[in-house]
Amino acid sequence: MSTEGKTRPVTTHRLMEMKQRGERIAMLTAYDYSTARIMDAAGMDVILVGDSAANVMAGFDSTLPITLDNMIYHAKSVVRAVKRALVVVDLPFGTYQGNSKEALASAVRIMKETEANAVKLEGGLEVIESVQRILSAGIPVMGHLGLTPQSIHQFGTYTVRAREEAEAAKLADDAALLERAGCFGLVLEKIPADLAARVSASLRIPTISIGAGGGCDGQVLVMHDMLGINTEFSPRFLRRYADLFTIMTDAFVNYIADVKSGAFPSDAEQY
């Protein structure tokens, strides 16, 4: 990537250009200023302020409990740190399903209060009215199909979605519907790789895979998972790029030992 490519802000239009020339899109989640600042400086294309904050930041078992106010807090922190990456914010559960006016109000709050670049929401035909109303206000929307964690109680499991022909056909139809509505991109989560590749090839807009194989235009992971902070989640699609759980544990243990023994602070570390 050129120096200009590393510094010029990423936009929805640039993501489309990346797909057209076959350049893969790198996307990760972030929830706070300090990590978003490092991530952005490293050259991340898209930073997702995910409702996965409910899990990794607040300790909930699902993404459902996180509120719009919570998401706005995390998004504000991330946006303050970012100079280049496109910042996308998840609309949390209950802020867009079944009420397109509420969906627009939720999206407007996120855009006005956080200065993020776009919002993301889960679902296809079931939420198309909300998607259309948000888009009509000029707010960029990223779709999300396949395993949709906000619908976990409906699914009853986090297993791979769209293995059956009917569900695969619906996913493909929903993807085309979201593109026609005006979505700038689409996350495909935990579906068969061949289906994801076919859907991606059929769309002009970029697709981002999380457990949907390498045939998409980009990849996204949850930061805490790929850094090895969260060791209790080990799906097949997860590659750990660090073992921060061990590194942080060792640092904490050594700090405690030094405090207890009086080794910290040393003479050189005092005024």
C-alpha atoms as a PDB file:
ATOM      1  CA  MET A   1       0.000   0.000   0.000  1.00  0.00           C
ATOM      2  CA  SER A   2       1.257   3.502  -0.875  1.00  0.00           C
ATOM      3  CA  THR A   3       1.966   6.129   1.779  1.00  0.00           C
ATOM      4  CA  GLU A   4      -1.100   7.996   0.562  1.00  0.00           C
ATOM      5  CA  GLY A   5      -3.182   4.843   0.973  1.00  0.00           C
ATOM      6  CA  LYS A   6      -2.067   4.570   4.584  1.00  0.00           C
ATOM      7  CA  THR A   7      -3.070   8.140   5.441  1.00  0.00           C
ATOM      8  CA  ARG A   8      -6.037   8.992   3.207  1.00  0.00           C
ATOM      9  CA  PRO A   9      -9.285   8.452   5.144  1.00  0.00           C
ATOM     10  CA  VAL A  10     -11.240   5.330   4.242  1.00  0.00           C
ATOM     11  CA  THR A  11     -14.742   6.039   2.931  1.00  0.00           C
ATOM     12  CA  THR A  12     -17.608   3.858   1.767  1.00  0.00           C
ATOM     13  CA  HIS A  13     -16.627   4.749  -1.797  1.00  0.00           C
ATOM     14  CA  ARG A  14     -13.034   3.628  -1.190  1.00  0.00           C
ATOM     15  CA  LEU A  15     -14.295   0.271   0.078  1.00  0.00           C
ATOM     16  CA  MET A  16     -16.153  -0.174  -3.206  1.00  0.00           C
ATOM     17  CA  GLU A  17     -12.958   0.671  -5.091  1.00  0.00           C
ATOM     18  CA  MET A  18     -11.039  -1.858  -3.004  1.00  0.00           C
ATOM     19  CA  LYS A  19     -13.494  -4.586  -3.998  1.00  0.00           C
ATOM     20  CA  GLN A  20     -13.247  -3.618  -7.662  1.00  0.00           C
ATOM     21  CA  ARG A  21      -9.460  -3.930  -7.713  1.00  0.00           C
ATOM     22  CA  GLY A  22      -9.355  -7.039  -5.526  1.00  0.00           C
ATOM     23  CA  GLU A  23      -7.769  -5.417  -2.472  1.00  0.00           C
ATOM     24  CA  ARG A  24      -8.869  -7.172   0.723  1.00  0.00           C
ATOM     25  CA  ILE A  25     -10.489  -5.129   3.500  1.00  0.00           C
ATOM     26  CA  ALA A  26      -9.187  -5.468   7.066  1.00  0.00           C
ATOM     27  CA  MET A  27     -11.740  -4.837   9.819  1.00  0.00           C
ATOM     28  CA  LEU A  28     -11.631  -5.318  13.591  1.00  0.00           C
ATOM     29  CA  THR A  29     -13.748  -4.311  16.550  1.00  0.00           C
ATOM     30  CA  ALA A  30     -12.688  -1.657  19.045  1.00  0.00           C
ATOM     31  CA  TYR A  31     -14.456  -0.084  21.994  1.00  0.00           C
ATOM     32  CA  ASP A  32     -12.084   2.453  23.559  1.00  0.00           C
ATOM     33  CA  TYR A  33      -9.764   5.327  22.677  1.00  0.00           C
ATOM     34  CA  SER A  34      -6.398   3.727  23.424  1.00  0.00           C
ATOM     35  CA  THR A  35      -6.809   0.532  21.425  1.00  0.00           C
ATOM     36  CA  ALA A  36      -8.587   2.304  18.550  1.00  0.00           C
ATOM     37  CA  ARG A  37      -5.669   4.724  18.311  1.00  0.00           C
ATOM     38  CA  ILE A  38      -3.178   1.862  17.956  1.00  0.00           C
ATOM     39  CA  MET A  39      -5.416   0.002  15.527  1.00  0.00           C
ATOM     40  CA  ASP A  40      -5.921   3.039  13.312  1.00  0.00           C
ATOM     41  CA  ALA A  41      -2.200   3.850  13.247  1.00  0.00           C
ATOM     42  CA  ALA A  42      -1.492   0.254  12.221  1.00  0.00           C
ATOM     43  CA  GLY A  43      -3.518   0.811   9.050  1.00  0.00           C
ATOM     44  CA  MET A  44      -6.874  -0.819   9.788  1.00  0.00           C
ATOM     45  CA  ASP A  45      -9.410  -0.106   7.039  1.00  0.00           C
ATOM     46  CA  VAL A  46     -12.622  -0.398   9.057  1.00  0.00           C
ATOM     47  CA  ILE A  47     -13.154  -0.269  12.807  1.00  0.00           C
ATOM     48  CA  LEU A  48     -16.424  -1.704  14.068  1.00  0.00           C
ATOM     49  CA  VAL A  49     -17.770  -0.502  17.387  1.00  0.00           C
ATOM     50  CA  GLY A  50     -19.576  -3.776  17.848  1.00  0.00           C
ATOM     51  CA  ASP A  51     -22.394  -4.727  20.165  1.00  0.00           C
ATOM     52  CA  SER A  52     -19.937  -7.473  21.135  1.00  0.00           C
ATOM     53  CA  ALA A  53     -18.964  -4.864  23.733  1.00  0.00           C
ATOM     54  CA  ALA A  54     -21.777  -6.456  25.711  1.00  0.00           C
ATOM     55  CA  ASN A  55     -19.670  -9.627  25.917  1.00  0.00           C
ATOM     56  CA  VAL A  56     -16.054  -8.501  26.054  1.00  0.00           C
ATOM     57  CA  MET A  57     -16.441  -5.192  27.886  1.00  0.00           C
ATOM     58  CA  ALA A  58     -19.453  -5.797  30.145  1.00  0.00           C
ATOM     59  CA  GLY A  59     -19.413  -9.572  30.638  1.00  0.00           C
ATOM     60  CA  PHE A  60     -22.897 -10.403  29.378  1.00  0.00           C
ATOM     61  CA  ASP A  61     -23.633 -13.818  27.839  1.00  0.00           C
ATOM     62  CA  SER A  62     -25.154 -12.277  24.700  1.00  0.00           C
ATOM     63  CA  THR A  63     -25.201  -8.974  22.835  1.00  0.00           C
ATOM     64  CA  LEU A  64     -28.826  -8.275  23.740  1.00  0.00           C
ATOM     65  CA  PRO A  65     -28.400  -6.287  26.994  1.00  0.00           C
ATOM     66  CA  ILE A  66     -26.241  -3.468  25.616  1.00  0.00           C
ATOM     67  CA  THR A  67     -28.098  -0.167  25.233  1.00  0.00           C
ATOM     68  CA  LEU A  68     -27.972   2.627  22.685  1.00  0.00           C
ATOM     69  CA  ASP A  69     -26.401   4.895  25.318  1.00  0.00           C
ATOM     70  CA  ASN A  70     -23.710   2.261  25.933  1.00  0.00           C
ATOM     71  CA  MET A  71     -22.955   2.030  22.216  1.00  0.00           C
ATOM     72  CA  ILE A  72     -22.748   5.804  21.895  1.00  0.00           C
ATOM     73  CA  TYR A  73     -20.289   5.965  24.797  1.00  0.00           C
ATOM     74  CA  HIS A  74     -17.982   3.380  23.205  1.00  0.00           C
ATOM     75  CA  ALA A  75     -18.305   4.921  19.746  1.00  0.00           C
ATOM     76  CA  LYS A  76     -17.411   8.403  21.004  1.00  0.00           C
ATOM     77  CA  SER A  77     -14.247   6.992  22.541  1.00  0.00           C
ATOM     78  CA  VAL A  78     -13.237   5.237  19.327  1.00  0.00           C
ATOM     79  CA  VAL A  79     -13.991   8.141  16.983  1.00  0.00           C
ATOM     80  CA  ARG A  80     -11.803  10.501  19.051  1.00  0.00           C
ATOM     81  CA  ALA A  81      -8.844   8.218  18.327  1.00  0.00           C
ATOM     82  CA  VAL A  82      -9.330   7.551  14.624  1.00  0.00           C
ATOM     83  CA  LYS A  83      -7.805   9.568  11.788  1.00  0.00           C
ATOM     84  CA  ARG A  84      -8.008   7.145   8.842  1.00  0.00           C
ATOM     85  CA  ALA A  85     -10.270   4.132   9.354  1.00  0.00           C
ATOM     86  CA  LEU A  86     -13.974   4.066   8.560  1.00  0.00           C
ATOM     87  CA  VAL A  87     -15.844   3.772  11.871  1.00  0.00           C
ATOM     88  CA  VAL A  88     -19.034   1.690  11.818  1.00  0.00           C
ATOM     89  CA  VAL A  89     -21.310   1.422  14.865  1.00  0.00           C
ATOM     90  CA  ASP A  90     -23.719  -1.418  15.601  1.00  0.00           C
ATOM     91  CA  LEU A  91     -27.326  -0.510  16.242  1.00  0.00           C
ATOM     92  CA  PRO A  92     -28.103  -2.535  19.380  1.00  0.00           C
ATOM     93  CA  PHE A  93     -30.982  -4.933  19.827  1.00  0.00           C
ATOM     94  CA  GLY A  94     -34.358  -3.236  20.219  1.00  0.00           C
ATOM     95  CA  THR A  95     -33.418   0.032  18.527  1.00  0.00           C
ATOM     96  CA  TYR A  96     -34.493  -0.762  14.958  1.00  0.00           C
ATOM     97  CA  GLN A  97     -36.492  -4.003  14.730  1.00  0.00           C
ATOM     98  CA  GLY A  98     -40.158  -3.516  13.909  1.00  0.00           C
ATOM     99  CA  ASN A  99     -40.186   0.282  14.023  1.00  0.00           C
ATOM    100  CA  SER A 100     -38.495   2.164  11.205  1.00  0.00           C
ATOM    101  CA  LYS A 101     -39.055   5.549  12.849  1.00  0.00           C
ATOM    102  CA  GLU A 102     -37.273   4.380  15.984  1.00  0.00           C
ATOM    103  CA  ALA A 103     -34.557   2.915  13.797  1.00  0.00           C
ATOM    104  CA  LEU A 104     -33.959   6.287  12.159  1.00  0.00           C
ATOM    105  CA  ALA A 105     -33.981   8.069  15.517  1.00  0.00           C
ATOM    106  CA  SER A 106     -31.411   5.571  16.862  1.00  0.00           C
ATOM    107  CA  ALA A 107     -29.166   5.968  13.820  1.00  0.00           C
ATOM    108  CA  VAL A 108     -29.412   9.767  13.944  1.00  0.00           C
ATOM    109  CA  ARG A 109     -28.380   9.752  17.604  1.00  0.00           C
ATOM    110  CA  ILE A 110     -25.334   7.649  16.812  1.00  0.00           C
ATOM    111  CA  MET A 111     -24.265   9.836  13.895  1.00  0.00           C
ATOM    112  CA  LYS A 112     -24.845  13.157  15.692  1.00  0.00           C
ATOM    113  CA  GLU A 113     -23.438  12.212  19.095  1.00  0.00           C
ATOM    114  CA  THR A 114     -20.447  10.114  18.019  1.00  0.00           C
ATOM    115  CA  GLU A 115     -19.505  11.518  14.576  1.00  0.00           C
ATOM    116  CA  ALA A 116     -19.058   7.939  13.339  1.00  0.00           C
ATOM    117  CA  ASN A 117     -19.176   7.194   9.610  1.00  0.00           C
ATOM    118  CA  ALA A 118     -21.908   4.543   9.401  1.00  0.00           C
ATOM    119  CA  VAL A 119     -24.179   2.165  11.264  1.00  0.00           C
ATOM    120  CA  LYS A 120     -24.644  -1.598  10.993  1.00  0.00           C
ATOM    121  CA  LEU A 121     -27.734  -3.662  11.640  1.00  0.00           C
ATOM    122  CA  GLU A 122     -28.683  -7.317  11.420  1.00  0.00           C
ATOM    123  CA  GLY A 123     -31.254  -8.897   9.117  1.00  0.00           C
ATOM    124  CA  GLY A 124     -32.660  -8.761   5.601  1.00  0.00           C
ATOM    125  CA  LEU A 125     -36.273  -8.558   4.490  1.00  0.00           C
ATOM    126  CA  GLU A 126     -37.436  -8.390   8.119  1.00  0.00           C
ATOM    127  CA  VAL A 127     -35.702  -5.033   8.681  1.00  0.00           C
ATOM    128  CA  ILE A 128     -35.735  -3.573   5.177  1.00  0.00           C
ATOM    129  CA  GLU A 129     -38.104  -0.731   6.118  1.00  0.00           C
ATOM    130  CA  SER A 130     -35.677   0.365   8.835  1.00  0.00           C
ATOM    131  CA  VAL A 131     -32.748   0.111   6.415  1.00  0.00           C
ATOM    132  CA  GLN A 132     -34.556   2.214   3.820  1.00  0.00           C
ATOM    133  CA  ARG A 133     -35.621   4.877   6.301  1.00  0.00           C
ATOM    134  CA  ILE A 134     -32.086   5.227   7.690  1.00  0.00           C
ATOM    135  CA  LEU A 135     -30.642   5.419   4.195  1.00  0.00           C
ATOM    136  CA  SER A 136     -33.221   8.047   3.216  1.00  0.00           C
ATOM    137  CA  ALA A 137     -31.651  10.336   5.810  1.00  0.00           C
ATOM    138  CA  GLY A 138     -28.250  10.000   4.146  1.00  0.00           C
ATOM    139  CA  ILE A 139     -26.807   7.688   6.791  1.00  0.00           C
ATOM    140  CA  PRO A 140     -24.594   4.898   5.387  1.00  0.00           C
ATOM    141  CA  VAL A 141     -25.737   1.407   6.389  1.00  0.00           C
ATOM    142  CA  MET A 142     -23.800  -1.859   6.521  1.00  0.00           C
ATOM    143  CA  GLY A 143     -25.905  -5.015   6.539  1.00  0.00           C
ATOM    144  CA  HIS A 144     -25.301  -8.247   8.454  1.00  0.00           C
ATOM    145  CA  LEU A 145     -26.592 -11.681   7.400  1.00  0.00           C
ATOM    146  CA  GLY A 146     -26.042 -15.311   8.357  1.00  0.00           C
ATOM    147  CA  LEU A 147     -25.581 -15.859  12.065  1.00  0.00           C
ATOM    148  CA  THR A 148     -27.112 -12.740  13.605  1.00  0.00           C
ATOM    149  CA  PRO A 149     -26.266 -12.776  17.319  1.00  0.00           C
ATOM    150  CA  GLN A 150     -29.121 -10.442  18.253  1.00  0.00           C
ATOM    151  CA  SER A 151     -31.479 -13.274  17.163  1.00  0.00           C
ATOM    152  CA  ILE A 152     -29.743 -15.924  19.262  1.00  0.00           C
ATOM    153  CA  HIS A 153     -32.895 -16.826  21.207  1.00  0.00           C
ATOM    154  CA  GLN A 154     -34.709 -17.424  17.918  1.00  0.00           C
ATOM    155  CA  PHE A 155     -31.888 -19.603  16.566  1.00  0.00           C
ATOM    156  CA  GLY A 156     -31.181 -21.266  19.917  1.00  0.00           C
ATOM    157  CA  THR A 157     -27.568 -21.929  18.916  1.00  0.00           C
ATOM    158  CA  TYR A 158     -24.443 -20.287  17.505  1.00  0.00           C
ATOM    159  CA  THR A 159     -23.898 -23.039  14.928  1.00  0.00           C
ATOM    160  CA  VAL A 160     -23.279 -22.405  11.223  1.00  0.00           C
ATOM    161  CA  ARG A 161     -26.261 -20.889   9.410  1.00  0.00           C
ATOM    162  CA  ALA A 162     -27.622 -21.363   5.850  1.00  0.00           C
ATOM    163  CA  ARG A 163     -26.536 -24.971   5.376  1.00  0.00           C
ATOM    164  CA  GLU A 164     -30.018 -25.868   4.120  1.00  0.00           C
ATOM    165  CA  GLU A 165     -31.007 -24.865   0.601  1.00  0.00           C
ATOM    166  CA  ALA A 166     -34.002 -22.744   1.640  1.00  0.00           C
ATOM    167  CA  GLU A 167     -32.058 -20.689   4.164  1.00  0.00           C
ATOM    168  CA  ALA A 168     -29.155 -20.265   1.733  1.00  0.00           C
ATOM    169  CA  ALA A 169     -31.548 -19.023  -0.950  1.00  0.00           C
ATOM    170  CA  LYS A 170     -33.110 -16.553   1.475  1.00  0.00           C
ATOM    171  CA  LEU A 171     -29.678 -15.269   2.476  1.00  0.00           C
ATOM    172  CA  ALA A 172     -28.766 -14.669  -1.157  1.00  0.00           C
ATOM    173  CA  ASP A 173     -32.084 -12.897  -1.735  1.00  0.00           C
ATOM    174  CA  ASP A 174     -31.596 -10.765   1.372  1.00  0.00           C
ATOM    175  CA  ALA A 175     -28.089  -9.813   0.271  1.00  0.00           C
ATOM    176  CA  ALA A 176     -29.371  -8.641  -3.113  1.00  0.00           C
ATOM    177  CA  LEU A 177     -32.220  -6.787  -1.386  1.00  0.00           C
ATOM    178  CA  LEU A 178     -29.838  -4.926   0.935  1.00  0.00           C
ATOM    179  CA  GLU A 179     -27.624  -3.970  -1.991  1.00  0.00           C
ATOM    180  CA  ARG A 180     -30.604  -2.646  -3.971  1.00  0.00           C
ATOM    181  CA  ALA A 181     -31.752  -0.670  -0.950  1.00  0.00           C
ATOM    182  CA  GLY A 182     -28.382   1.112  -0.883  1.00  0.00           C
ATOM    183  CA  CYS A 183     -26.254  -0.604   1.777  1.00  0.00           C
ATOM    184  CA  PHE A 184     -22.543   0.061   1.170  1.00  0.00           C
ATOM    185  CA  GLY A 185     -21.345  -3.275   2.514  1.00  0.00           C
ATOM    186  CA  LEU A 186     -22.389  -6.518   4.119  1.00  0.00           C
ATOM    187  CA  VAL A 187     -21.064  -8.689   6.947  1.00  0.00           C
ATOM    188  CA  LEU A 188     -21.570 -12.417   6.418  1.00  0.00           C
ATOM    189  CA  GLU A 189     -21.255 -14.395   9.638  1.00  0.00           C
ATOM    190  CA  LYS A 190     -20.685 -18.120  10.085  1.00  0.00           C
ATOM    191  CA  ILE A 191     -22.101 -19.469   6.839  1.00  0.00           C
ATOM    192  CA  PRO A 192     -20.599 -22.040   4.427  1.00  0.00           C
ATOM    193  CA  ALA A 193     -17.613 -20.608   2.571  1.00  0.00           C
ATOM    194  CA  ASP A 194     -18.908 -21.582  -0.870  1.00  0.00           C
ATOM    195  CA  LEU A 195     -22.200 -19.774  -0.252  1.00  0.00           C
ATOM    196  CA  ALA A 196     -20.389 -16.676   0.993  1.00  0.00           C
ATOM    197  CA  ALA A 197     -18.138 -16.688  -2.080  1.00  0.00           C
ATOM    198  CA  ARG A 198     -21.121 -16.960  -4.423  1.00  0.00           C
ATOM    199  CA  VAL A 199     -22.990 -14.167  -2.668  1.00  0.00           C
ATOM    200  CA  SER A 200     -19.911 -11.946  -2.679  1.00  0.00           C
ATOM    201  CA  ALA A 201     -19.343 -12.514  -6.383  1.00  0.00           C
ATOM    202  CA  SER A 202     -22.965 -11.596  -7.114  1.00  0.00           C
ATOM    203  CA  LEU A 203     -22.747  -8.211  -5.378  1.00  0.00           C
ATOM    204  CA  ARG A 204     -21.147  -4.916  -6.328  1.00  0.00           C
ATOM    205  CA  ILE A 205     -20.798  -3.941  -2.667  1.00  0.00           C
ATOM    206  CA  PRO A 206     -18.023  -5.443  -0.527  1.00  0.00           C
ATOM    207  CA  THR A 207     -18.652  -8.367   1.782  1.00  0.00           C
ATOM    208  CA  ILE A 208     -16.859  -8.886   5.090  1.00  0.00           C
ATOM    209  CA  SER A 209     -16.492 -12.393   6.480  1.00  0.00           C
ATOM    210  CA  ILE A 210     -16.550 -13.516  10.073  1.00  0.00           C
ATOM    211  CA  GLY A 211     -16.427 -17.277   9.847  1.00  0.00           C
ATOM    212  CA  ALA A 212     -17.649 -17.158   6.228  1.00  0.00           C
ATOM    213  CA  GLY A 213     -14.411 -18.139   4.529  1.00  0.00           C
ATOM    214  CA  GLY A 214     -11.889 -16.440   2.290  1.00  0.00           C
ATOM    215  CA  GLY A 215     -14.158 -15.783  -0.678  1.00  0.00           C
ATOM    216  CA  CYS A 216     -15.408 -12.498   0.742  1.00  0.00           C
ATOM    217  CA  ASP A 217     -13.823  -9.099   0.136  1.00  0.00           C
ATOM    218  CA  GLY A 218     -12.575  -8.696   3.689  1.00  0.00           C
ATOM    219  CA  GLN A 219     -12.410 -10.170   7.165  1.00  0.00           C
ATOM    220  CA  VAL A 220     -13.486  -9.050  10.626  1.00  0.00           C
ATOM    221  CA  LEU A 221     -12.772 -10.482  14.070  1.00  0.00           C
ATOM    222  CA  VAL A 222     -13.479  -9.375  17.608  1.00  0.00           C
ATOM    223  CA  MET A 223     -10.329  -7.724  18.903  1.00  0.00           C
ATOM    224  CA  HIS A 224     -10.362  -9.472  22.289  1.00  0.00           C
ATOM    225  CA  ASP A 225     -10.574 -12.844  20.553  1.00  0.00           C
ATOM    226  CA  MET A 226      -7.771 -12.321  18.017  1.00  0.00           C
ATOM    227  CA  LEU A 227      -5.466 -10.843  20.658  1.00  0.00           C
ATOM    228  CA  GLY A 228      -5.982 -13.829  22.948  1.00  0.00           C
ATOM    229  CA  ILE A 229      -7.457 -11.783  25.794  1.00  0.00           C
ATOM    230  CA  ASN A 230     -10.631 -13.840  25.675  1.00  0.00           C
ATOM    231  CA  THR A 231      -9.538 -17.479  25.936  1.00  0.00           C
ATOM    232  CA  GLU A 232     -12.995 -18.985  26.414  1.00  0.00           C
ATOM    233  CA  PHE A 233     -14.040 -18.602  22.757  1.00  0.00           C
ATOM    234  CA  SER A 234     -12.314 -20.807  20.208  1.00  0.00           C
ATOM    235  CA  PRO A 235     -14.356 -21.293  17.021  1.00  0.00           C
ATOM    236  CA  ARG A 236     -12.731 -22.736  13.921  1.00  0.00           C
ATOM    237  CA  PHE A 237     -12.640 -19.370  12.145  1.00  0.00           C
ATOM    238  CA  LEU A 238     -10.674 -17.598  14.899  1.00  0.00           C
ATOM    239  CA  ARG A 239      -6.941 -17.070  14.438  1.00  0.00           C
ATOM    240  CA  ARG A 240      -5.170 -15.740  17.525  1.00  0.00           C
ATOM    241  CA  TYR A 241      -2.455 -13.246  16.648  1.00  0.00           C
ATOM    242  CA  ALA A 242      -1.224 -12.822  20.233  1.00  0.00           C
ATOM    243  CA  ASP A 243      -1.539 -14.377  23.680  1.00  0.00           C
ATOM    244  CA  LEU A 244      -2.276 -11.284  25.718  1.00  0.00           C
ATOM    245  CA  PHE A 245      -4.011 -13.333  28.397  1.00  0.00           C
ATOM    246  CA  THR A 246      -0.668 -14.885  29.348  1.00  0.00           C
ATOM    247  CA  ILE A 247       1.321 -11.677  28.868  1.00  0.00           C
ATOM    248  CA  MET A 248      -1.080  -9.644  30.995  1.00  0.00           C
ATOM    249  CA  THR A 249      -1.367 -12.325  33.665  1.00  0.00           C
ATOM    250  CA  ASP A 250       2.432 -12.518  33.982  1.00  0.00           C
ATOM    251  CA  ALA A 251       2.665  -8.723  34.207  1.00  0.00           C
ATOM    252  CA  PHE A 252       0.031  -8.566  36.947  1.00  0.00           C
ATOM    253  CA  VAL A 253       1.643 -11.412  38.901  1.00  0.00           C
ATOM    254  CA  ASN A 254       5.087  -9.788  38.669  1.00  0.00           C
ATOM    255  CA  TYR A 255       3.684  -6.410  39.724  1.00  0.00           C
ATOM    256  CA  ILE A 256       1.954  -7.930  42.743  1.00  0.00           C
ATOM    257  CA  ALA A 257       5.155  -9.758  43.738  1.00  0.00           C
ATOM    258  CA  ASP A 258       7.267  -6.592  43.428  1.00  0.00           C
ATOM    259  CA  VAL A 259       4.797  -4.546  45.497  1.00  0.00           C
ATOM    260  CA  LYS A 260       4.577  -7.228  48.185  1.00  0.00           C
ATOM    261  CA  SER A 261       8.354  -7.612  48.387  1.00  0.00           C
ATOM    262  CA  GLY A 262       9.078  -3.908  48.324  1.00  0.00           C
ATOM    263  CA  ALA A 263      11.035  -4.211  45.070  1.00  0.00           C
ATOM    264  CA  PHE A 264       8.726  -1.630  43.503  1.00  0.00           C
ATOM    265  CA  PRO A 265       9.350   1.247  43.546  1.00  0.00           C
ATOM    266  CA  SER A 266      13.137   1.248  43.452  1.00  0.00           C
ATOM    267  CA  ASP A 267      15.274   4.259  44.406  1.00  0.00           C
ATOM    268  CA  ALA A 268      15.392   5.262  40.742  1.00  0.00           C
ATOM    269  CA  GLU A 269      11.598   5.236  40.568  1.00  0.00           C
ATOM    270  CA  GLN A 270      11.140   7.737  43.398  1.00  0.00           C
ATOM    271  CA  TYR A 271      11.378  11.544  43.567  1.00  0.00           C
END
